[in-house]
Amino acid sequence: MRYIKFGTYTGEENMRIDSELLEEAIQTQTEEPIFRLYSWSPMCISLGRNQDGCKSVERIVEAGKNIGIDVVRRVTGGRALLHDDEITYSYITPISAVPDGESVSKSYQYISGILIDFFKTLSVELTIGNDKHASTKHDYCMLISTGADVCYQGKKIIGSAQFRKNGYILQHGSILFGYDKNLLEKLFNEKVSSDCIATIKEILPDITKEEFVKAFEEYILS
């Protein structure tokens, strides 16, 4: 596996790097998966590829811009996210390298399994999200749990999304370290409940982001 060293970038830079890595993989027809960890500075709202200009989206964008938060469009789907207190991952692979990779749900399970296996090394048991009763009423992505997500004791902790092009998958997602409840409710105009969301700070209160990234890097490169 090719690992891209952890770095902190603006929202525009992060989305550009992921897109460029995908295009490079397609052009070179690489068979080796690419894994990247990164963070965001300044904080940034990302909108899903297919989110339209409805009033709720326009309101989120306006609310963010009014308090100086960057806004970018993701190449992947899903709903709006605030990238703040988190570590983000991206994983690029040929579809053919993923067991049953033509199945979107199976590919999510396979790639999310890498994250789940890593958390086991930290003595944390995570599970794939359940999409049977997923609500679509929320604008904030972390409040919606689907089969594309990873949960801790039924609460969403990693939200992921995919984009497919020319036989390759780009999957990236947010690993939630913590969140500013008041800021999220101001931006998304909806109640953010700890009944729905888990964070690293809650389940591993003694680990720093630097320690988390180092442990993840050692796991990926082992």
Protein backbone atom coordinates (compact mmCIF):
# COMPACT_ATOMS: atom_id res chain seq x y z
CA MET A 1 0.00 0.00 0.00
CA ARG A 2 1.23 3.48 -0.85
CA TYR A 3 0.91 5.87 2.09
CA ILE A 4 0.69 9.65 1.66
CA LYS A 5 2.22 11.38 4.69
CA PHE A 6 -0.18 13.19 7.01
CA GLY A 7 -0.57 16.91 6.40
CA THR A 8 -2.82 19.84 7.18
CA TYR A 9 -4.27 21.79 4.25
CA THR A 10 -7.11 24.10 3.26
CA GLY A 11 -10.35 22.56 2.06
CA GLU A 12 -9.60 23.40 -1.56
CA GLU A 13 -6.12 21.88 -1.29
CA ASN A 14 -7.41 18.69 0.33
CA MET A 15 -10.02 18.10 -2.35
CA ARG A 16 -7.50 18.87 -5.08
CA ILE A 17 -4.94 16.42 -3.66
CA ASP A 18 -7.50 13.61 -3.46
CA SER A 19 -8.67 14.27 -7.01
CA GLU A 20 -5.10 14.42 -8.34
CA LEU A 21 -4.21 11.14 -6.63
CA LEU A 22 -7.25 9.51 -8.21
CA GLU A 23 -6.36 10.83 -11.67
CA GLU A 24 -2.76 9.68 -11.23
CA ALA A 25 -3.93 6.18 -10.28
CA ILE A 26 -6.17 6.03 -13.35
CA GLN A 27 -3.51 7.31 -15.72
CA THR A 28 -0.81 4.94 -14.45
CA GLN A 29 -3.28 2.07 -13.93
CA THR A 30 -1.74 1.44 -10.54
CA GLU A 31 -2.69 -1.76 -8.77
CA GLU A 32 -1.43 -0.54 -5.40
CA PRO A 33 -3.99 1.09 -3.09
CA ILE A 34 -3.24 4.64 -1.92
CA PHE A 35 -3.99 5.66 1.66
CA ARG A 36 -3.86 9.23 2.91
CA LEU A 37 -4.53 10.89 6.29
CA TYR A 38 -5.03 14.63 6.59
CA SER A 39 -6.61 17.50 8.50
CA TRP A 40 -8.06 20.90 7.60
CA SER A 41 -7.02 24.45 8.36
CA PRO A 42 -8.97 26.64 8.52
CA MET A 43 -12.12 24.68 9.34
CA CYS A 44 -14.21 24.03 6.27
CA ILE A 45 -17.68 22.96 5.18
CA SER A 46 -17.70 20.42 2.37
CA LEU A 47 -20.81 19.80 0.28
CA GLY A 48 -21.55 16.46 -1.36
CA ARG A 49 -21.11 16.10 -5.09
CA ASN A 50 -24.83 15.99 -5.77
CA GLN A 51 -26.12 18.45 -3.19
CA ASP A 52 -28.19 20.98 -5.09
CA GLY A 53 -28.83 24.64 -4.44
CA CYS A 54 -31.87 24.08 -2.24
CA LYS A 55 -32.66 26.59 0.49
CA SER A 56 -31.14 24.50 3.28
CA VAL A 57 -27.84 24.16 1.42
CA GLU A 58 -27.82 27.87 0.57
CA ARG A 59 -28.46 28.68 4.23
CA ILE A 60 -25.59 26.43 5.40
CA VAL A 61 -23.19 28.03 2.93
CA GLU A 62 -24.27 31.53 3.91
CA ALA A 63 -24.04 30.75 7.64
CA GLY A 64 -20.52 29.41 7.17
CA LYS A 65 -19.31 32.31 5.10
CA ASN A 66 -20.74 34.80 7.60
CA ILE A 67 -18.37 33.50 10.28
CA GLY A 68 -15.39 33.00 8.00
CA ILE A 69 -15.64 29.26 7.33
CA ASP A 70 -14.41 27.98 3.96
CA VAL A 71 -16.82 26.05 1.73
CA VAL A 72 -15.78 23.45 -0.87
CA ARG A 73 -17.49 20.86 -3.04
CA ARG A 74 -16.45 17.21 -2.61
CA VAL A 75 -16.03 14.87 -5.55
CA THR A 76 -17.84 12.25 -3.46
CA GLY A 77 -21.51 12.16 -2.50
CA GLY A 78 -23.23 12.56 0.84
CA ARG A 79 -24.40 15.60 2.72
CA ALA A 80 -22.70 18.63 4.20
CA LEU A 81 -19.92 18.22 6.76
CA LEU A 82 -18.01 20.63 8.94
CA HIS A 83 -14.35 19.62 8.94
CA ASP A 84 -12.95 20.88 12.20
CA ASP A 85 -11.91 18.58 15.05
CA GLU A 86 -11.27 15.45 13.00
CA ILE A 87 -8.80 13.32 11.08
CA THR A 88 -9.79 12.62 7.49
CA TYR A 89 -8.74 9.59 5.45
CA SER A 90 -8.85 8.82 1.75
CA TYR A 91 -8.39 5.45 0.08
CA ILE A 92 -7.95 4.95 -3.65
CA THR A 93 -8.01 1.50 -5.22
CA PRO A 94 -8.84 -0.32 -8.42
CA ILE A 95 -12.33 -1.78 -8.18
CA SER A 96 -10.83 -5.10 -9.26
CA ALA A 97 -8.63 -5.17 -6.13
CA VAL A 98 -11.65 -5.13 -3.81
CA PRO A 99 -13.52 -8.41 -3.19
CA ASP A 100 -16.95 -8.00 -4.84
CA GLY A 101 -15.84 -4.46 -5.64
CA GLU A 102 -18.59 -3.87 -8.19
CA SER A 103 -21.00 -3.89 -5.25
CA VAL A 104 -20.93 -0.46 -3.64
CA SER A 105 -22.03 -1.82 -0.26
CA LYS A 106 -19.41 -4.59 -0.31
CA SER A 107 -16.67 -2.11 -1.21
CA TYR A 108 -17.68 0.14 1.69
CA GLN A 109 -17.52 -2.84 4.03
CA TYR A 110 -14.09 -3.85 2.73
CA ILE A 111 -12.51 -0.38 2.97
CA SER A 112 -14.20 0.43 6.27
CA GLY A 113 -12.84 -2.89 7.53
CA ILE A 114 -9.34 -1.41 7.34
CA LEU A 115 -10.43 1.31 9.76
CA ILE A 116 -12.24 -1.15 12.01
CA ASP A 117 -9.18 -3.41 12.17
CA PHE A 118 -6.99 -0.45 13.12
CA PHE A 119 -9.28 0.53 15.97
CA LYS A 120 -9.03 -3.02 17.31
CA THR A 121 -5.33 -2.33 17.93
CA LEU A 122 -6.53 0.47 20.24
CA SER A 123 -8.91 -1.98 21.97
CA VAL A 124 -11.95 -0.28 20.42
CA GLU A 125 -14.66 -2.33 18.71
CA LEU A 126 -16.40 -0.58 15.82
CA THR A 127 -19.10 -1.83 13.47
CA ILE A 128 -20.47 -1.03 10.02
CA GLY A 129 -23.46 1.33 10.16
CA ASN A 130 -27.02 0.16 9.62
CA ASP A 131 -28.94 1.71 6.72
CA LYS A 132 -32.25 -0.05 7.32
CA HIS A 133 -33.73 2.80 9.31
CA ALA A 134 -31.58 5.69 8.05
CA SER A 135 -33.23 9.09 8.30
CA THR A 136 -32.78 11.46 5.37
CA LYS A 137 -34.19 14.54 7.08
CA HIS A 138 -30.87 15.86 8.41
CA ASP A 139 -28.54 18.28 6.61
CA TYR A 140 -25.53 17.45 8.81
CA CYS A 141 -23.99 14.25 7.46
CA MET A 142 -22.86 12.85 10.82
CA LEU A 143 -26.47 12.63 12.01
CA ILE A 144 -27.29 10.12 9.26
CA SER A 145 -26.02 6.56 9.75
CA THR A 146 -25.94 4.30 6.69
CA GLY A 147 -24.15 1.17 5.55
CA ALA A 148 -21.34 3.45 4.35
CA ASP A 149 -20.47 4.52 7.89
CA VAL A 150 -18.68 3.14 10.93
CA CYS A 151 -20.20 3.23 14.41
CA TYR A 152 -19.24 2.81 18.04
CA GLN A 153 -21.98 1.22 20.13
CA GLY A 154 -24.55 2.31 17.56
CA LYS A 155 -23.27 5.89 17.32
CA LYS A 156 -21.64 7.20 14.16
CA ILE A 157 -17.94 7.98 14.50
CA ILE A 158 -16.70 7.74 10.89
CA GLY A 159 -18.71 9.08 7.97
CA SER A 160 -17.57 7.99 4.50
CA ALA A 161 -18.45 8.60 0.87
CA GLN A 162 -17.29 7.28 -2.50
CA PHE A 163 -16.66 8.35 -6.06
CA ARG A 164 -15.98 5.91 -8.90
CA LYS A 165 -14.24 6.64 -12.17
CA ASN A 166 -12.72 4.47 -14.90
CA GLY A 167 -12.49 1.36 -12.76
CA TYR A 168 -11.20 3.08 -9.62
CA ILE A 169 -12.72 3.97 -6.25
CA LEU A 170 -11.97 7.05 -4.20
CA GLN A 171 -13.41 6.68 -0.71
CA HIS A 172 -12.79 9.29 1.92
CA GLY A 173 -14.30 10.05 5.27
CA SER A 174 -14.18 11.91 8.55
CA ILE A 175 -12.94 10.30 11.76
CA LEU A 176 -14.55 12.48 14.41
CA PHE A 177 -12.24 13.53 17.23
CA GLY A 178 -14.63 16.01 18.80
CA TYR A 179 -17.18 18.63 17.83
CA ASP A 180 -18.47 22.06 18.77
CA LYS A 181 -22.16 21.40 19.42
CA ASN A 182 -23.15 25.07 19.44
CA LEU A 183 -21.35 25.79 16.18
CA LEU A 184 -22.86 22.78 14.42
CA GLU A 185 -26.36 23.70 15.52
CA LYS A 186 -25.81 27.27 14.35
CA LEU A 187 -24.58 26.15 10.93
CA PHE A 188 -27.03 23.33 10.26
CA ASN A 189 -30.03 24.70 12.15
CA GLU A 190 -30.80 21.35 13.78
CA LYS A 191 -30.23 19.69 17.12
CA VAL A 192 -26.95 17.75 17.39
CA SER A 193 -27.33 14.95 19.91
CA SER A 194 -24.65 12.84 21.54
CA ASP A 195 -27.12 9.97 21.21
CA CYS A 196 -26.23 9.83 17.49
CA ILE A 197 -22.53 10.71 17.42
CA ALA A 198 -19.44 9.23 19.07
CA THR A 199 -16.00 10.84 19.18
CA ILE A 200 -12.43 9.73 19.76
CA LYS A 201 -12.24 12.09 22.73
CA GLU A 202 -15.10 10.21 24.39
CA ILE A 203 -13.85 6.67 23.85
CA LEU A 204 -10.08 7.33 23.98
CA PRO A 205 -9.78 10.45 26.15
CA ASP A 206 -6.04 10.09 26.73
CA ILE A 207 -4.93 9.90 23.08
CA THR A 208 -3.82 13.02 21.21
CA LYS A 209 -4.30 13.57 17.50
CA GLU A 210 -0.57 13.25 17.00
CA GLU A 211 -0.52 9.90 18.82
CA PHE A 212 -3.55 8.73 16.88
CA VAL A 213 -1.99 9.61 13.53
CA LYS A 214 1.31 7.96 14.49
CA ALA A 215 -0.48 4.76 15.53
CA PHE A 216 -2.47 4.75 12.29
CA GLU A 217 0.66 5.30 10.20
CA GLU A 218 2.46 2.45 11.96
CA TYR A 219 -0.53 0.18 11.37
CA ILE A 220 -0.85 1.05 7.67
CA LEU A 221 2.87 0.64 7.04
CA SER A 222 3.28 -2.57 9.03
